[in-house]
Amino acid sequence: MEMTGAGNIPPEVVPEAVQQVWEWIKEDTLHIEIEEVPLKDIAKAWQRTLYGKRIVIVP
């Protein structure tokens, strides 16, 4: 697993945070709204403001 864009989190708390995320996934309590954006459109996507959604870049 690779976590990017996690913000300003001290490195020593990352393992515990990752474990918590996996627990939420197993419990099916983690829900994240995403928007899939083709790589060719990424420049436009970065200029927009998305509240509550995360951008997932797809080929």
Protein backbone atom coordinates (compact mmCIF):
# COMPACT_ATOMS: atom_id res chain seq x y z
CA MET A 1 0.00 0.00 0.00
CA GLU A 2 1.18 3.52 -0.72
CA MET A 3 -0.25 6.56 1.02
CA THR A 4 0.31 9.93 -0.59
CA GLY A 5 -1.12 13.34 0.08
CA ALA A 6 -1.57 12.54 3.74
CA GLY A 7 -0.88 16.09 4.85
CA ASN A 8 1.40 17.25 7.60
CA ILE A 9 1.54 14.02 9.61
CA PRO A 10 4.61 13.22 11.73
CA PRO A 11 6.34 10.10 10.37
CA GLU A 12 6.16 8.29 13.70
CA VAL A 13 2.33 8.16 13.61
CA VAL A 14 2.03 6.88 10.02
CA PRO A 15 2.16 3.13 10.88
CA GLU A 16 -0.66 3.49 13.42
CA ALA A 17 -2.69 5.64 11.01
CA VAL A 18 -2.28 3.11 8.20
CA GLN A 19 -3.38 0.31 10.54
CA GLN A 20 -6.48 2.32 11.48
CA VAL A 21 -7.34 2.87 7.81
CA TRP A 22 -7.07 -0.89 7.17
CA GLU A 23 -9.41 -1.53 10.12
CA TRP A 24 -11.97 0.87 8.67
CA ILE A 25 -11.68 -0.86 5.29
CA LYS A 26 -12.22 -4.30 6.86
CA GLU A 27 -15.23 -2.97 8.80
CA ASP A 28 -16.60 -1.35 5.60
CA THR A 29 -16.85 1.98 7.41
CA LEU A 30 -14.41 3.92 5.25
CA HIS A 31 -16.13 5.69 2.39
CA ILE A 32 -14.37 8.27 0.24
CA GLU A 33 -15.98 10.14 -2.61
CA ILE A 34 -13.73 10.10 -5.64
CA GLU A 35 -13.72 11.54 -9.11
CA GLU A 36 -11.84 9.63 -11.77
CA VAL A 37 -9.95 12.00 -14.06
CA PRO A 38 -8.16 10.85 -17.21
CA LEU A 39 -4.46 11.71 -17.16
CA LYS A 40 -4.93 13.84 -20.28
CA ASP A 41 -7.30 16.13 -18.29
CA ILE A 42 -5.24 16.41 -15.11
CA ALA A 43 -4.16 20.03 -15.69
CA LYS A 44 -7.81 21.15 -15.68
CA ALA A 45 -8.62 18.98 -12.67
CA TRP A 46 -5.81 20.49 -10.54
CA GLN A 47 -7.20 23.98 -11.16
CA ARG A 48 -10.66 23.12 -9.83
CA THR A 49 -11.73 23.03 -6.22
CA LEU A 50 -13.34 19.80 -5.10
CA TYR A 51 -14.83 19.76 -1.64
CA GLY A 52 -15.23 16.34 -0.08
CA LYS A 53 -13.94 14.45 -3.13
CA ARG A 54 -10.55 13.07 -4.02
CA ILE A 55 -9.16 12.92 -7.53
CA VAL A 56 -8.07 9.52 -8.81
CA ILE A 57 -5.97 9.74 -11.97
CA VAL A 58 -6.73 7.04 -14.54
CA PRO A 59 -4.90 6.25 -17.77
